[in-house]
Amino acid sequence: MRMMMRVTMPVEAGNKAVKDDLIGKLVQQTSDLTKPEAAYFTPDHGQRTAYFFFEMKDSSQLVTVAEPWFMNLNAKVEFIPAMNREDLKTGMASIKK
């Protein structure tokens, strides 16, 4: 299932992670694990936020993907099912039947 993972980092932990280049390492690790179709980085409500869109093959990925963010940055990590345009088109066609 395609998922959007939103990672929100507390400012102080994020500041330290930038200085230590930890954010770059976590982004690389997450990208290696998930092979995202897209990743975006932006401030959201005054905090550093990362968005990764990837195919979650098994729910056990929740642990391997989220724990480094929890453990290293005390980050808030959310997983939200997401659709692309083709998924939406398929879903809309199924409700018309």
N, C-alpha and C. Protein backbone atom coordinates (compact mmCIF):
# COMPACT_ATOMS: atom_id res chain seq x y z
N MET A 1 0.85 -1.17 0.00
CA MET A 1 0.00 0.00 0.00
C MET A 1 0.89 1.24 0.00
N ARG A 2 0.52 2.20 -0.81
CA ARG A 2 1.28 3.45 -0.85
C ARG A 2 1.01 4.22 0.44
N MET A 3 2.07 4.71 1.05
CA MET A 3 1.96 5.45 2.29
C MET A 3 2.67 6.79 2.17
N MET A 4 2.15 7.73 2.92
CA MET A 4 2.88 8.98 3.13
C MET A 4 3.35 8.93 4.56
N MET A 5 4.64 9.09 4.75
CA MET A 5 5.19 9.16 6.09
C MET A 5 5.58 10.62 6.34
N ARG A 6 5.00 11.18 7.40
CA ARG A 6 5.33 12.56 7.77
C ARG A 6 6.15 12.51 9.05
N VAL A 7 7.33 13.10 9.01
CA VAL A 7 8.22 13.15 10.17
C VAL A 7 8.35 14.60 10.59
N THR A 8 7.97 14.89 11.82
CA THR A 8 8.07 16.25 12.35
C THR A 8 9.06 16.24 13.50
N MET A 9 10.06 17.10 13.40
CA MET A 9 11.17 17.11 14.36
C MET A 9 11.07 18.31 15.30
N PRO A 10 11.22 18.09 16.60
CA PRO A 10 11.28 19.21 17.53
C PRO A 10 12.46 20.13 17.17
N VAL A 11 12.30 21.41 17.35
CA VAL A 11 13.30 22.38 16.91
C VAL A 11 14.67 22.13 17.53
N GLU A 12 14.75 21.96 18.84
CA GLU A 12 16.06 21.80 19.48
C GLU A 12 16.76 20.52 19.02
N ALA A 13 16.03 19.41 18.97
CA ALA A 13 16.62 18.15 18.50
C ALA A 13 17.03 18.28 17.03
N GLY A 14 16.20 18.99 16.25
CA GLY A 14 16.53 19.21 14.83
C GLY A 14 17.77 20.06 14.66
N ASN A 15 17.92 21.10 15.49
CA ASN A 15 19.12 21.94 15.41
C ASN A 15 20.39 21.13 15.66
N LYS A 16 20.34 20.30 16.70
CA LYS A 16 21.50 19.47 17.01
C LYS A 16 21.76 18.47 15.88
N ALA A 17 20.70 17.90 15.33
CA ALA A 17 20.84 16.93 14.24
C ALA A 17 21.43 17.56 12.98
N VAL A 18 21.10 18.81 12.72
CA VAL A 18 21.70 19.52 11.58
C VAL A 18 23.19 19.69 11.81
N LYS A 19 23.56 20.16 13.00
CA LYS A 19 24.97 20.37 13.32
C LYS A 19 25.78 19.07 13.24
N ASP A 20 25.17 17.96 13.65
CA ASP A 20 25.85 16.66 13.66
C ASP A 20 25.69 15.89 12.35
N ASP A 21 25.00 16.47 11.36
CA ASP A 21 24.66 15.83 10.09
C ASP A 21 23.85 14.55 10.28
N LEU A 22 23.12 14.47 11.37
CA LEU A 22 22.27 13.31 11.62
C LEU A 22 21.05 13.29 10.70
N ILE A 23 20.50 14.46 10.39
CA ILE A 23 19.33 14.49 9.52
C ILE A 23 19.67 13.89 8.16
N GLY A 24 20.79 14.27 7.61
CA GLY A 24 21.20 13.71 6.32
C GLY A 24 21.32 12.19 6.37
N LYS A 25 21.87 11.68 7.48
CA LYS A 25 22.02 10.23 7.64
C LYS A 25 20.66 9.55 7.77
N LEU A 26 19.74 10.15 8.51
CA LEU A 26 18.41 9.56 8.68
C LEU A 26 17.62 9.60 7.37
N VAL A 27 17.75 10.69 6.62
CA VAL A 27 17.08 10.78 5.32
C VAL A 27 17.63 9.69 4.40
N GLN A 28 18.94 9.51 4.38
CA GLN A 28 19.54 8.48 3.52
C GLN A 28 19.09 7.08 3.95
N GLN A 29 19.10 6.83 5.26
CA GLN A 29 18.68 5.53 5.77
C GLN A 29 17.22 5.24 5.41
N THR A 30 16.35 6.24 5.59
CA THR A 30 14.94 6.08 5.26
C THR A 30 14.76 5.85 3.77
N SER A 31 15.50 6.58 2.96
CA SER A 31 15.42 6.40 1.51
C SER A 31 15.91 5.02 1.09
N ASP A 32 16.97 4.54 1.71
CA ASP A 32 17.48 3.20 1.40
C ASP A 32 16.45 2.13 1.76
N LEU A 33 15.76 2.31 2.89
CA LEU A 33 14.79 1.32 3.35
C LEU A 33 13.49 1.34 2.56
N THR A 34 13.04 2.53 2.18
CA THR A 34 11.71 2.66 1.56
C THR A 34 11.72 2.85 0.05
N LYS A 35 12.84 3.28 -0.49
CA LYS A 35 12.92 3.61 -1.92
C LYS A 35 11.72 4.49 -2.33
N PRO A 36 11.61 5.67 -1.74
CA PRO A 36 10.42 6.50 -1.96
C PRO A 36 10.28 6.96 -3.41
N GLU A 37 9.02 7.07 -3.83
CA GLU A 37 8.77 7.64 -5.16
C GLU A 37 8.93 9.14 -5.12
N ALA A 38 8.82 9.72 -3.92
CA ALA A 38 9.06 11.15 -3.74
C ALA A 38 9.38 11.41 -2.28
N ALA A 39 10.16 12.45 -2.03
CA ALA A 39 10.46 12.90 -0.67
C ALA A 39 10.53 14.43 -0.72
N TYR A 40 9.89 15.06 0.26
CA TYR A 40 9.86 16.52 0.33
C TYR A 40 10.22 16.95 1.74
N PHE A 41 10.82 18.14 1.84
CA PHE A 41 11.28 18.66 3.12
C PHE A 41 10.85 20.11 3.21
N THR A 42 10.18 20.45 4.32
CA THR A 42 9.62 21.79 4.45
C THR A 42 9.40 22.13 5.92
N PRO A 43 9.39 23.42 6.27
CA PRO A 43 8.95 23.76 7.61
C PRO A 43 7.42 23.64 7.67
N ASP A 44 6.91 23.08 8.74
CA ASP A 44 5.46 22.95 8.92
C ASP A 44 5.16 23.28 10.38
N HIS A 45 4.35 24.29 10.60
CA HIS A 45 4.03 24.76 11.94
C HIS A 45 5.31 25.04 12.74
N GLY A 46 6.30 25.60 12.08
CA GLY A 46 7.53 26.02 12.75
C GLY A 46 8.51 24.90 13.06
N GLN A 47 8.29 23.71 12.50
CA GLN A 47 9.20 22.60 12.76
C GLN A 47 9.65 21.98 11.44
N ARG A 48 10.88 21.46 11.43
CA ARG A 48 11.36 20.74 10.25
C ARG A 48 10.46 19.53 10.02
N THR A 49 10.06 19.35 8.78
CA THR A 49 9.16 18.24 8.45
C THR A 49 9.61 17.59 7.16
N ALA A 50 9.58 16.27 7.17
CA ALA A 50 9.92 15.48 5.98
C ALA A 50 8.70 14.65 5.59
N TYR A 51 8.47 14.55 4.29
CA TYR A 51 7.40 13.72 3.75
C TYR A 51 8.02 12.70 2.80
N PHE A 52 7.75 11.43 3.05
CA PHE A 52 8.22 10.35 2.18
C PHE A 52 7.00 9.61 1.65
N PHE A 53 6.96 9.40 0.35
CA PHE A 53 5.88 8.64 -0.28
C PHE A 53 6.49 7.34 -0.80
N PHE A 54 5.99 6.21 -0.29
CA PHE A 54 6.59 4.93 -0.65
C PHE A 54 5.57 3.81 -0.56
N GLU A 55 5.93 2.69 -1.15
CA GLU A 55 5.09 1.50 -1.12
C GLU A 55 5.45 0.69 0.12
N MET A 56 4.50 0.57 1.05
CA MET A 56 4.73 -0.24 2.24
C MET A 56 4.31 -1.67 1.94
N LYS A 57 5.28 -2.55 1.95
CA LYS A 57 5.03 -3.94 1.58
C LYS A 57 4.49 -4.75 2.75
N ASP A 58 4.85 -4.38 3.97
CA ASP A 58 4.45 -5.12 5.16
C ASP A 58 4.40 -4.16 6.34
N SER A 59 3.44 -4.36 7.22
CA SER A 59 3.29 -3.44 8.35
C SER A 59 4.50 -3.45 9.29
N SER A 60 5.33 -4.49 9.23
CA SER A 60 6.53 -4.52 10.07
C SER A 60 7.50 -3.40 9.69
N GLN A 61 7.35 -2.84 8.48
CA GLN A 61 8.20 -1.71 8.08
C GLN A 61 7.99 -0.50 8.98
N LEU A 62 6.83 -0.42 9.63
CA LEU A 62 6.59 0.70 10.53
C LEU A 62 7.72 0.83 11.54
N VAL A 63 8.15 -0.27 12.08
CA VAL A 63 9.20 -0.26 13.11
C VAL A 63 10.53 0.17 12.52
N THR A 64 10.95 -0.50 11.44
CA THR A 64 12.29 -0.23 10.91
C THR A 64 12.42 1.18 10.35
N VAL A 65 11.33 1.72 9.86
CA VAL A 65 11.38 3.06 9.26
C VAL A 65 11.22 4.16 10.32
N ALA A 66 10.33 3.97 11.27
CA ALA A 66 10.03 5.03 12.24
C ALA A 66 11.00 5.10 13.41
N GLU A 67 11.46 3.96 13.91
CA GLU A 67 12.26 3.95 15.14
C GLU A 67 13.50 4.84 15.09
N PRO A 68 14.26 4.87 13.98
CA PRO A 68 15.42 5.78 13.98
C PRO A 68 15.04 7.24 14.22
N TRP A 69 13.90 7.66 13.71
CA TRP A 69 13.44 9.04 13.92
C TRP A 69 13.01 9.25 15.36
N PHE A 70 12.27 8.27 15.90
CA PHE A 70 11.86 8.36 17.31
C PHE A 70 13.07 8.41 18.22
N MET A 71 13.96 7.46 18.05
CA MET A 71 15.10 7.28 18.96
C MET A 71 16.12 8.42 18.88
N ASN A 72 16.38 8.92 17.68
CA ASN A 72 17.43 9.92 17.51
C ASN A 72 16.95 11.36 17.63
N LEU A 73 15.69 11.62 17.31
CA LEU A 73 15.22 13.01 17.29
C LEU A 73 13.96 13.27 18.11
N ASN A 74 13.45 12.23 18.76
CA ASN A 74 12.18 12.39 19.47
C ASN A 74 11.12 12.96 18.52
N ALA A 75 11.18 12.51 17.27
CA ALA A 75 10.30 13.04 16.23
C ALA A 75 8.90 12.44 16.32
N LYS A 76 7.96 13.16 15.79
CA LYS A 76 6.60 12.66 15.61
C LYS A 76 6.57 12.03 14.22
N VAL A 77 6.17 10.76 14.12
CA VAL A 77 6.15 10.06 12.84
C VAL A 77 4.73 9.55 12.60
N GLU A 78 4.17 9.92 11.46
CA GLU A 78 2.81 9.52 11.10
C GLU A 78 2.83 8.80 9.76
N PHE A 79 2.02 7.75 9.66
CA PHE A 79 1.85 7.02 8.41
C PHE A 79 0.41 7.18 7.95
N ILE A 80 0.25 7.65 6.71
CA ILE A 80 -1.08 7.94 6.18
C ILE A 80 -1.20 7.28 4.81
N PRO A 81 -2.22 6.41 4.62
CA PRO A 81 -2.40 5.83 3.29
C PRO A 81 -2.58 6.95 2.26
N ALA A 82 -2.01 6.75 1.09
CA ALA A 82 -2.08 7.78 0.05
C ALA A 82 -2.32 7.14 -1.30
N MET A 83 -2.91 7.91 -2.20
CA MET A 83 -3.17 7.44 -3.56
C MET A 83 -2.51 8.39 -4.55
N ASN A 84 -2.11 7.84 -5.67
CA ASN A 84 -1.72 8.69 -6.79
C ASN A 84 -2.93 8.83 -7.70
N ARG A 85 -2.75 9.50 -8.80
CA ARG A 85 -3.88 9.76 -9.70
C ARG A 85 -4.50 8.47 -10.23
N GLU A 86 -3.66 7.51 -10.58
CA GLU A 86 -4.16 6.23 -11.10
C GLU A 86 -4.94 5.46 -10.04
N ASP A 87 -4.45 5.48 -8.80
CA ASP A 87 -5.17 4.81 -7.71
C ASP A 87 -6.55 5.43 -7.52
N LEU A 88 -6.61 6.74 -7.55
CA LEU A 88 -7.88 7.44 -7.39
C LEU A 88 -8.83 7.07 -8.53
N LYS A 89 -8.32 7.04 -9.74
CA LYS A 89 -9.11 6.70 -10.91
C LYS A 89 -9.70 5.28 -10.76
N THR A 90 -8.87 4.35 -10.32
CA THR A 90 -9.33 2.97 -10.12
C THR A 90 -10.39 2.90 -9.04
N GLY A 91 -10.17 3.60 -7.93
CA GLY A 91 -11.12 3.62 -6.86
C GLY A 91 -12.45 4.24 -7.27
N MET A 92 -12.39 5.33 -8.00
CA MET A 92 -13.63 5.98 -8.45
C MET A 92 -14.40 5.08 -9.42
N ALA A 93 -13.70 4.35 -10.26
CA ALA A 93 -14.36 3.45 -11.19
C ALA A 93 -15.08 2.33 -10.45
N SER A 94 -14.52 1.88 -9.34
CA SER A 94 -15.13 0.78 -8.61
C SER A 94 -16.42 1.19 -7.90
N ILE A 95 -16.58 2.46 -7.55
CA ILE A 95 -17.82 2.86 -6.87
C ILE A 95 -18.94 3.12 -7.87
N LYS A 96 -18.61 3.23 -9.14
CA LYS A 96 -19.61 3.46 -10.17
C LYS A 96 -20.29 2.16 -10.59
N LYS A 97 -19.71 1.03 -10.19
CA LYS A 97 -20.25 -0.28 -10.61
C LYS A 97 -21.41 -0.70 -9.75
